[in-house]
Amino acid sequence: MCFDHDSRPPVPQIAGAAISHERLTLTCADGTPFAAFAATPDGASSADVGVVVLPDVRGLYRFYEELALRFAERGMQSIAIDYFGRTAEPPPREEGFAYSEHVAQTTAEGIGDDVGAAVAELRARGATSIFTIGFCFGGRHSWLAAAGGHGLAGAIGFYGMPAARDGQPGPTQRAGELAAPILGLMAGEDQHITPDVVADFGAALRDAGVEHELVTYAGAPHSFFDRRQEQFAEASDDAWGRTLDFIAAHRRTRSANA
């Protein structure tokens, strides 16, 4: 389990920012419709930066809609996606939603197709430099999206599992396919994503010549990026700052290839 159902991102809201938002249905390449939430800066329909937000294992809920809004307040178009268009009714969902049975039915290919639909929608709205950002389950798939042929400007993951899982290769094993810079924001006290796992990911990225930065926050637990955990505010603030810096550093240098 990542965040509490009623938690909100530890990112300051910009009061008075002119933005629009909508819930929409996207359709991926295999014809599957799925739920998404889009946030856009008003008067900037051609904003050049787009962000695809990949949630944790529970799919699309309010935390990630709020995060999409925070990106829009900072002048970026953003779309947060749901994973379960093939197996579940669309959100909103109750706190007790049995997400695990739906996670078990997802595939890397299916999620990659969903990301592709969100990328296409952002491009149709005028974005030219597109990033993915994901958390836990979404962090893993954010990095994998860099191998999906989407022309990403960068891929950001918060405490995603980079190693192989359930017999499926992860970002570590597919490092040579990752065609975008990588930012990893990891938790030092994560009980499953251990320092050795992170070190192996870093080594694979170096060997593959992939531009990357992996940052581990000592003493921080998995899913530290939660404004209700005040003791981890420093880590959350730093991670958010690094996210914005990463986007700013790559929005121009990579956009020509997006």
C-alpha atoms as a PDB file:
ATOM      1  CA  MET A   1       0.000   0.000   0.000  1.00  0.00           C
ATOM      2  CA  CYS A   2       1.267   3.428  -0.884  1.00  0.00           C
ATOM      3  CA  PHE A   3      -0.555   6.587   0.179  1.00  0.00           C
ATOM      4  CA  ASP A   4      -3.636   6.806   2.375  1.00  0.00           C
ATOM      5  CA  HIS A   5      -6.766   7.105   0.253  1.00  0.00           C
ATOM      6  CA  ASP A   6      -7.411  10.671   1.450  1.00  0.00           C
ATOM      7  CA  SER A   7      -3.826  11.931   1.247  1.00  0.00           C
ATOM      8  CA  ARG A   8      -2.742  14.772  -1.003  1.00  0.00           C
ATOM      9  CA  PRO A   9       0.595  15.519  -2.693  1.00  0.00           C
ATOM     10  CA  PRO A  10       3.083  17.491  -0.560  1.00  0.00           C
ATOM     11  CA  VAL A  11       3.297  20.180  -3.226  1.00  0.00           C
ATOM     12  CA  PRO A  12       2.265  23.796  -2.618  1.00  0.00           C
ATOM     13  CA  GLN A  13      -0.835  24.875  -4.487  1.00  0.00           C
ATOM     14  CA  ILE A  14      -0.328  28.071  -6.473  1.00  0.00           C
ATOM     15  CA  ALA A  15      -3.287  30.195  -5.455  1.00  0.00           C
ATOM     16  CA  GLY A  16      -4.984  31.975  -8.322  1.00  0.00           C
ATOM     17  CA  ALA A  17      -3.309  29.935 -11.046  1.00  0.00           C
ATOM     18  CA  ALA A  18      -5.510  29.871 -14.130  1.00  0.00           C
ATOM     19  CA  ILE A  19      -5.978  26.227 -15.048  1.00  0.00           C
ATOM     20  CA  SER A  20      -8.649  23.950 -16.443  1.00  0.00           C
ATOM     21  CA  HIS A  21      -9.265  20.294 -15.736  1.00  0.00           C
ATOM     22  CA  GLU A  22     -11.489  17.502 -16.971  1.00  0.00           C
ATOM     23  CA  ARG A  23     -12.142  13.809 -16.590  1.00  0.00           C
ATOM     24  CA  LEU A  24     -11.929  12.087 -19.922  1.00  0.00           C
ATOM     25  CA  THR A  25     -11.855   8.693 -21.591  1.00  0.00           C
ATOM     26  CA  LEU A  26      -8.876   7.784 -23.753  1.00  0.00           C
ATOM     27  CA  THR A  27      -8.642   4.832 -26.121  1.00  0.00           C
ATOM     28  CA  CYS A  28      -5.413   2.915 -26.534  1.00  0.00           C
ATOM     29  CA  ALA A  29      -4.102   1.056 -29.574  1.00  0.00           C
ATOM     30  CA  ASP A  30      -5.924  -2.197 -28.772  1.00  0.00           C
ATOM     31  CA  GLY A  31      -9.240  -0.354 -28.627  1.00  0.00           C
ATOM     32  CA  THR A  32      -9.571  -0.348 -24.840  1.00  0.00           C
ATOM     33  CA  PRO A  33     -11.148   2.783 -23.339  1.00  0.00           C
ATOM     34  CA  PHE A  34      -9.759   3.891 -19.986  1.00  0.00           C
ATOM     35  CA  ALA A  35     -10.226   6.758 -17.560  1.00  0.00           C
ATOM     36  CA  ALA A  36      -7.889   9.724 -17.300  1.00  0.00           C
ATOM     37  CA  PHE A  37      -7.758  13.173 -15.740  1.00  0.00           C
ATOM     38  CA  ALA A  38      -6.309  16.120 -17.656  1.00  0.00           C
ATOM     39  CA  ALA A  39      -5.141  19.456 -16.260  1.00  0.00           C
ATOM     40  CA  THR A  40      -4.096  22.321 -18.505  1.00  0.00           C
ATOM     41  CA  PRO A  41      -2.836  25.877 -17.943  1.00  0.00           C
ATOM     42  CA  ASP A  42      -5.467  28.309 -19.229  1.00  0.00           C
ATOM     43  CA  GLY A  43      -4.371  30.361 -22.202  1.00  0.00           C
ATOM     44  CA  ALA A  44      -1.528  27.950 -22.878  1.00  0.00           C
ATOM     45  CA  SER A  45      -3.080  25.221 -24.991  1.00  0.00           C
ATOM     46  CA  SER A  46       0.254  24.962 -26.795  1.00  0.00           C
ATOM     47  CA  ALA A  47       2.284  24.582 -23.574  1.00  0.00           C
ATOM     48  CA  ASP A  48       5.318  22.655 -24.721  1.00  0.00           C
ATOM     49  CA  VAL A  49       5.746  20.393 -21.684  1.00  0.00           C
ATOM     50  CA  GLY A  50       3.406  17.478 -21.068  1.00  0.00           C
ATOM     51  CA  VAL A  51       3.474  15.085 -18.117  1.00  0.00           C
ATOM     52  CA  VAL A  52       1.865  11.647 -17.966  1.00  0.00           C
ATOM     53  CA  VAL A  53       1.195  10.705 -14.329  1.00  0.00           C
ATOM     54  CA  LEU A  54       1.263   6.966 -13.520  1.00  0.00           C
ATOM     55  CA  PRO A  55      -0.402   6.197 -10.170  1.00  0.00           C
ATOM     56  CA  ASP A  56       0.405   3.558  -7.585  1.00  0.00           C
ATOM     57  CA  VAL A  57      -1.281   0.139  -7.519  1.00  0.00           C
ATOM     58  CA  ARG A  58      -4.726   1.572  -6.809  1.00  0.00           C
ATOM     59  CA  GLY A  59      -5.012   3.281 -10.161  1.00  0.00           C
ATOM     60  CA  LEU A  60      -6.465   6.733 -10.650  1.00  0.00           C
ATOM     61  CA  TYR A  61      -7.727   8.504  -7.538  1.00  0.00           C
ATOM     62  CA  ARG A  62      -7.686  11.960  -6.012  1.00  0.00           C
ATOM     63  CA  PHE A  63      -3.998  12.091  -5.041  1.00  0.00           C
ATOM     64  CA  TYR A  64      -2.943  11.847  -8.681  1.00  0.00           C
ATOM     65  CA  GLU A  65      -5.609  14.202  -9.945  1.00  0.00           C
ATOM     66  CA  GLU A  66      -4.278  16.744  -7.449  1.00  0.00           C
ATOM     67  CA  LEU A  67      -0.724  16.117  -8.655  1.00  0.00           C
ATOM     68  CA  ALA A  68      -1.821  16.744 -12.247  1.00  0.00           C
ATOM     69  CA  LEU A  69      -3.269  20.060 -11.085  1.00  0.00           C
ATOM     70  CA  ARG A  70       0.020  21.024  -9.428  1.00  0.00           C
ATOM     71  CA  PHE A  71       1.850  20.484 -12.728  1.00  0.00           C
ATOM     72  CA  ALA A  72      -0.731  22.585 -14.590  1.00  0.00           C
ATOM     73  CA  GLU A  73      -0.312  25.399 -12.066  1.00  0.00           C
ATOM     74  CA  ARG A  74       3.349  25.444 -13.083  1.00  0.00           C
ATOM     75  CA  GLY A  75       2.578  25.788 -16.778  1.00  0.00           C
ATOM     76  CA  MET A  76       2.675  22.136 -17.820  1.00  0.00           C
ATOM     77  CA  GLN A  77      -0.060  20.044 -19.374  1.00  0.00           C
ATOM     78  CA  SER A  78      -0.673  16.851 -17.436  1.00  0.00           C
ATOM     79  CA  ILE A  79      -2.717  13.675 -17.789  1.00  0.00           C
ATOM     80  CA  ALA A  80      -3.071  11.147 -14.955  1.00  0.00           C
ATOM     81  CA  ILE A  81      -4.154   7.716 -16.158  1.00  0.00           C
ATOM     82  CA  ASP A  82      -5.980   4.694 -14.782  1.00  0.00           C
ATOM     83  CA  TYR A  83      -4.693   1.137 -15.355  1.00  0.00           C
ATOM     84  CA  PHE A  84      -7.874  -0.893 -15.149  1.00  0.00           C
ATOM     85  CA  GLY A  85      -9.924  -0.060 -18.229  1.00  0.00           C
ATOM     86  CA  ARG A  86      -9.807  -3.711 -19.260  1.00  0.00           C
ATOM     87  CA  THR A  87     -11.076  -5.192 -15.996  1.00  0.00           C
ATOM     88  CA  ALA A  88     -12.874  -2.660 -13.758  1.00  0.00           C
ATOM     89  CA  GLU A  89     -15.473   0.059 -13.799  1.00  0.00           C
ATOM     90  CA  PRO A  90     -13.920   3.508 -14.140  1.00  0.00           C
ATOM     91  CA  PRO A  91     -13.190   5.746 -11.139  1.00  0.00           C
ATOM     92  CA  PRO A  92     -14.147   7.302  -8.816  1.00  0.00           C
ATOM     93  CA  ARG A  93     -13.904   4.233  -6.596  1.00  0.00           C
ATOM     94  CA  GLU A  94     -14.466   3.602  -2.916  1.00  0.00           C
ATOM     95  CA  GLU A  95     -11.565   3.286  -0.490  1.00  0.00           C
ATOM     96  CA  GLY A  96     -12.078  -0.480  -0.280  1.00  0.00           C
ATOM     97  CA  PHE A  97     -11.645  -1.019  -4.047  1.00  0.00           C
ATOM     98  CA  ALA A  98     -10.077  -4.471  -4.539  1.00  0.00           C
ATOM     99  CA  TYR A  99      -7.242  -3.152  -6.663  1.00  0.00           C
ATOM    100  CA  SER A 100      -4.943  -6.157  -6.234  1.00  0.00           C
ATOM    101  CA  GLU A 101      -7.088  -8.472  -8.359  1.00  0.00           C
ATOM    102  CA  HIS A 102      -6.991  -5.903 -11.158  1.00  0.00           C
ATOM    103  CA  VAL A 103      -3.255  -5.238 -10.847  1.00  0.00           C
ATOM    104  CA  ALA A 104      -2.719  -8.973 -11.339  1.00  0.00           C
ATOM    105  CA  GLN A 105      -4.449  -8.730 -14.709  1.00  0.00           C
ATOM    106  CA  THR A 106      -2.375  -5.845 -16.051  1.00  0.00           C
ATOM    107  CA  THR A 107       0.488  -6.378 -18.465  1.00  0.00           C
ATOM    108  CA  ALA A 108       3.497  -4.236 -19.271  1.00  0.00           C
ATOM    109  CA  GLU A 109       2.301  -4.132 -22.874  1.00  0.00           C
ATOM    110  CA  GLY A 110      -1.173  -2.971 -21.891  1.00  0.00           C
ATOM    111  CA  ILE A 111       0.116  -0.233 -19.616  1.00  0.00           C
ATOM    112  CA  GLY A 112       2.556   0.793 -22.320  1.00  0.00           C
ATOM    113  CA  ASP A 113      -0.359   1.160 -24.724  1.00  0.00           C
ATOM    114  CA  ASP A 114      -2.230   3.269 -22.168  1.00  0.00           C
ATOM    115  CA  VAL A 115       0.797   5.524 -21.748  1.00  0.00           C
ATOM    116  CA  GLY A 116       0.996   5.806 -25.520  1.00  0.00           C
ATOM    117  CA  ALA A 117      -2.606   7.024 -25.692  1.00  0.00           C
ATOM    118  CA  ALA A 118      -1.899   9.676 -23.046  1.00  0.00           C
ATOM    119  CA  VAL A 119       1.250  10.773 -24.882  1.00  0.00           C
ATOM    120  CA  ALA A 120      -0.724  11.071 -28.112  1.00  0.00           C
ATOM    121  CA  GLU A 121      -3.375  13.149 -26.380  1.00  0.00           C
ATOM    122  CA  LEU A 122      -0.761  15.516 -24.950  1.00  0.00           C
ATOM    123  CA  ARG A 123       0.843  15.895 -28.381  1.00  0.00           C
ATOM    124  CA  ALA A 124      -2.575  16.664 -29.876  1.00  0.00           C
ATOM    125  CA  ARG A 125      -2.881  19.410 -27.266  1.00  0.00           C
ATOM    126  CA  GLY A 126       0.432  20.935 -28.340  1.00  0.00           C
ATOM    127  CA  ALA A 127       2.996  19.385 -26.000  1.00  0.00           C
ATOM    128  CA  THR A 128       6.358  18.635 -27.604  1.00  0.00           C
ATOM    129  CA  SER A 129       8.489  17.608 -24.599  1.00  0.00           C
ATOM    130  CA  ILE A 130       6.694  14.803 -22.764  1.00  0.00           C
ATOM    131  CA  PHE A 131       7.722  13.196 -19.495  1.00  0.00           C
ATOM    132  CA  THR A 132       6.324  10.335 -17.468  1.00  0.00           C
ATOM    133  CA  ILE A 133       6.253  10.335 -13.675  1.00  0.00           C
ATOM    134  CA  GLY A 134       5.131   7.374 -11.615  1.00  0.00           C
ATOM    135  CA  PHE A 135       4.916   6.130  -8.055  1.00  0.00           C
ATOM    136  CA  CYS A 136       5.582   2.589  -6.789  1.00  0.00           C
ATOM    137  CA  PHE A 137       3.941   0.369  -9.452  1.00  0.00           C
ATOM    138  CA  GLY A 138       3.741   3.492 -11.596  1.00  0.00           C
ATOM    139  CA  GLY A 139       7.405   4.312 -11.017  1.00  0.00           C
ATOM    140  CA  ARG A 140       8.432   1.002 -12.558  1.00  0.00           C
ATOM    141  CA  HIS A 141       6.143   1.578 -15.538  1.00  0.00           C
ATOM    142  CA  SER A 142       7.279   5.181 -15.925  1.00  0.00           C
ATOM    143  CA  TRP A 143      10.833   3.938 -16.487  1.00  0.00           C
ATOM    144  CA  LEU A 144       9.615   1.129 -18.755  1.00  0.00           C
ATOM    145  CA  ALA A 145       7.775   3.744 -20.817  1.00  0.00           C
ATOM    146  CA  ALA A 146      11.188   5.022 -21.898  1.00  0.00           C
ATOM    147  CA  ALA A 147      11.522   1.724 -23.805  1.00  0.00           C
ATOM    148  CA  GLY A 148       8.090   2.046 -25.388  1.00  0.00           C
ATOM    149  CA  GLY A 149       8.919   4.099 -28.452  1.00  0.00           C
ATOM    150  CA  HIS A 150       6.985   7.131 -27.173  1.00  0.00           C
ATOM    151  CA  GLY A 151       9.750   9.661 -27.820  1.00  0.00           C
ATOM    152  CA  LEU A 152       9.817  10.763 -24.185  1.00  0.00           C
ATOM    153  CA  ALA A 153      11.946  13.657 -22.997  1.00  0.00           C
ATOM    154  CA  GLY A 154      12.484  11.856 -19.680  1.00  0.00           C
ATOM    155  CA  ALA A 155      11.067   9.303 -17.250  1.00  0.00           C
ATOM    156  CA  ILE A 156      10.767   9.903 -13.499  1.00  0.00           C
ATOM    157  CA  GLY A 157      10.033   7.212 -10.934  1.00  0.00           C
ATOM    158  CA  PHE A 158       9.411   7.434  -7.206  1.00  0.00           C
ATOM    159  CA  TYR A 159      10.415   4.185  -5.432  1.00  0.00           C
ATOM    160  CA  GLY A 160       9.560   1.933  -8.360  1.00  0.00           C
ATOM    161  CA  MET A 161      10.845  -1.634  -8.492  1.00  0.00           C
ATOM    162  CA  PRO A 162      13.496  -1.734 -11.247  1.00  0.00           C
ATOM    163  CA  ALA A 163      14.327  -5.444 -10.939  1.00  0.00           C
ATOM    164  CA  ALA A 164      12.652  -8.382 -12.662  1.00  0.00           C
ATOM    165  CA  ARG A 165       9.319  -9.314 -11.123  1.00  0.00           C
ATOM    166  CA  ASP A 166       7.078 -12.344 -11.589  1.00  0.00           C
ATOM    167  CA  GLY A 167       9.374 -13.516 -14.346  1.00  0.00           C
ATOM    168  CA  GLN A 168       9.042 -10.261 -16.256  1.00  0.00           C
ATOM    169  CA  PRO A 169      12.106  -8.096 -16.984  1.00  0.00           C
ATOM    170  CA  GLY A 170      12.206  -4.731 -15.295  1.00  0.00           C
ATOM    171  CA  PRO A 171      13.956  -1.474 -16.148  1.00  0.00           C
ATOM    172  CA  THR A 172      17.258  -2.956 -14.942  1.00  0.00           C
ATOM    173  CA  GLN A 173      17.080  -5.824 -17.410  1.00  0.00           C
ATOM    174  CA  ARG A 174      15.819  -3.516 -20.172  1.00  0.00           C
ATOM    175  CA  ALA A 175      18.266  -0.688 -19.511  1.00  0.00           C
ATOM    176  CA  GLY A 176      19.665  -0.908 -23.026  1.00  0.00           C
ATOM    177  CA  GLU A 177      16.193  -0.142 -24.425  1.00  0.00           C
ATOM    178  CA  LEU A 178      15.564   2.975 -22.321  1.00  0.00           C
ATOM    179  CA  ALA A 179      15.645   5.831 -24.817  1.00  0.00           C
ATOM    180  CA  ALA A 180      15.242   8.786 -22.446  1.00  0.00           C
ATOM    181  CA  PRO A 181      17.002  10.223 -19.394  1.00  0.00           C
ATOM    182  CA  ILE A 182      15.991   8.566 -16.120  1.00  0.00           C
ATOM    183  CA  LEU A 183      15.379  10.091 -12.688  1.00  0.00           C
ATOM    184  CA  GLY A 184      14.873   7.714  -9.753  1.00  0.00           C
ATOM    185  CA  LEU A 185      13.803   8.987  -6.330  1.00  0.00           C
ATOM    186  CA  MET A 186      14.219   6.121  -3.899  1.00  0.00           C
ATOM    187  CA  ALA A 187      13.482   5.455  -0.225  1.00  0.00           C
ATOM    188  CA  GLY A 188      16.408   4.428   1.960  1.00  0.00           C
ATOM    189  CA  GLU A 189      14.186   2.414   4.310  1.00  0.00           C
ATOM    190  CA  ASP A 190      12.206   0.667   1.586  1.00  0.00           C
ATOM    191  CA  GLN A 191      11.826  -2.938   2.758  1.00  0.00           C
ATOM    192  CA  HIS A 192      11.541  -4.372  -0.765  1.00  0.00           C
ATOM    193  CA  ILE A 193      13.566  -2.081  -3.005  1.00  0.00           C
ATOM    194  CA  THR A 194      16.856  -2.523  -1.187  1.00  0.00           C
ATOM    195  CA  PRO A 195      20.152  -0.664  -1.780  1.00  0.00           C
ATOM    196  CA  ASP A 196      21.454  -3.616  -3.786  1.00  0.00           C
ATOM    197  CA  VAL A 197      18.459  -3.437  -6.114  1.00  0.00           C
ATOM    198  CA  VAL A 198      19.016   0.290  -6.643  1.00  0.00           C
ATOM    199  CA  ALA A 199      22.756  -0.220  -7.171  1.00  0.00           C
ATOM    200  CA  ASP A 200      22.081  -2.875  -9.817  1.00  0.00           C
ATOM    201  CA  PHE A 201      19.751  -0.464 -11.613  1.00  0.00           C
ATOM    202  CA  GLY A 202      22.393   2.249 -11.576  1.00  0.00           C
ATOM    203  CA  ALA A 203      25.053  -0.120 -12.874  1.00  0.00           C
ATOM    204  CA  ALA A 204      22.800  -1.296 -15.702  1.00  0.00           C
ATOM    205  CA  LEU A 205      22.037   2.287 -16.713  1.00  0.00           C
ATOM    206  CA  ARG A 206      25.722   3.191 -16.680  1.00  0.00           C
ATOM    207  CA  ASP A 207      26.646   0.136 -18.733  1.00  0.00           C
ATOM    208  CA  ALA A 208      23.931   1.007 -21.258  1.00  0.00           C
ATOM    209  CA  GLY A 209      25.032   4.642 -21.480  1.00  0.00           C
ATOM    210  CA  VAL A 210      21.653   5.945 -20.294  1.00  0.00           C
ATOM    211  CA  GLU A 211      21.709   9.420 -18.773  1.00  0.00           C
ATOM    212  CA  HIS A 212      20.387   9.041 -15.247  1.00  0.00           C
ATOM    213  CA  GLU A 213      20.258  10.231 -11.664  1.00  0.00           C
ATOM    214  CA  LEU A 214      19.267   7.953  -8.804  1.00  0.00           C
ATOM    215  CA  VAL A 215      18.726   9.651  -5.451  1.00  0.00           C
ATOM    216  CA  THR A 216      18.111   7.713  -2.235  1.00  0.00           C
ATOM    217  CA  TYR A 217      16.652   9.481   0.805  1.00  0.00           C
ATOM    218  CA  ALA A 218      18.217   7.996   3.926  1.00  0.00           C
ATOM    219  CA  GLY A 219      15.667   7.078   6.582  1.00  0.00           C
ATOM    220  CA  ALA A 220      12.681   7.630   4.307  1.00  0.00           C
ATOM    221  CA  PRO A 221      10.162   4.804   3.867  1.00  0.00           C
ATOM    222  CA  HIS A 222       8.405   3.640   0.738  1.00  0.00           C
ATOM    223  CA  SER A 223       5.800   6.244  -0.275  1.00  0.00           C
ATOM    224  CA  PHE A 224       7.424   9.049   1.712  1.00  0.00           C
ATOM    225  CA  PHE A 225       5.993  11.563  -0.761  1.00  0.00           C
ATOM    226  CA  ASP A 226       2.877  12.165   1.298  1.00  0.00           C
ATOM    227  CA  ARG A 227       2.109  15.484   2.917  1.00  0.00           C
ATOM    228  CA  ARG A 228       0.622  13.759   5.975  1.00  0.00           C
ATOM    229  CA  GLN A 229       4.060  12.361   6.876  1.00  0.00           C
ATOM    230  CA  GLU A 230       5.516  15.610   8.182  1.00  0.00           C
ATOM    231  CA  GLN A 231       8.727  13.933   9.331  1.00  0.00           C
ATOM    232  CA  PHE A 232       9.617  13.328   5.676  1.00  0.00           C
ATOM    233  CA  ALA A 233       8.831  16.846   4.456  1.00  0.00           C
ATOM    234  CA  GLU A 234      12.483  17.559   3.687  1.00  0.00           C
ATOM    235  CA  ALA A 235      12.774  14.493   1.449  1.00  0.00           C
ATOM    236  CA  SER A 236       9.493  15.313  -0.287  1.00  0.00           C
ATOM    237  CA  ASP A 237      10.525  18.928  -0.896  1.00  0.00           C
ATOM    238  CA  ASP A 238      13.861  17.845  -2.322  1.00  0.00           C
ATOM    239  CA  ALA A 239      12.252  15.194  -4.541  1.00  0.00           C
ATOM    240  CA  TRP A 240       9.742  17.688  -5.925  1.00  0.00           C
ATOM    241  CA  GLY A 241      12.511  20.194  -6.590  1.00  0.00           C
ATOM    242  CA  ARG A 242      14.565  17.561  -8.404  1.00  0.00           C
ATOM    243  CA  THR A 243      11.521  16.624 -10.467  1.00  0.00           C
ATOM    244  CA  LEU A 244      11.036  20.197 -11.650  1.00  0.00           C
ATOM    245  CA  ASP A 245      14.766  20.645 -12.267  1.00  0.00           C
ATOM    246  CA  PHE A 246      14.878  17.423 -14.309  1.00  0.00           C
ATOM    247  CA  ILE A 247      11.993  18.586 -16.473  1.00  0.00           C
ATOM    248  CA  ALA A 248      13.535  22.028 -16.953  1.00  0.00           C
ATOM    249  CA  ALA A 249      16.901  20.518 -17.893  1.00  0.00           C
ATOM    250  CA  HIS A 250      15.467  18.236 -20.577  1.00  0.00           C
ATOM    251  CA  ARG A 251      12.491  20.110 -22.014  1.00  0.00           C
ATOM    252  CA  ARG A 252      14.584  21.909 -24.652  1.00  0.00           C
ATOM    253  CA  THR A 253      17.442  19.523 -25.298  1.00  0.00           C
ATOM    254  CA  ARG A 254      15.093  16.598 -26.021  1.00  0.00           C
ATOM    255  CA  SER A 255      11.999  18.265 -27.455  1.00  0.00           C
ATOM    256  CA  ALA A 256      13.296  18.247 -31.019  1.00  0.00           C
ATOM    257  CA  ASN A 257      13.212  14.437 -30.920  1.00  0.00           C
ATOM    258  CA  ALA A 258       9.842  14.141 -29.182  1.00  0.00           C
END
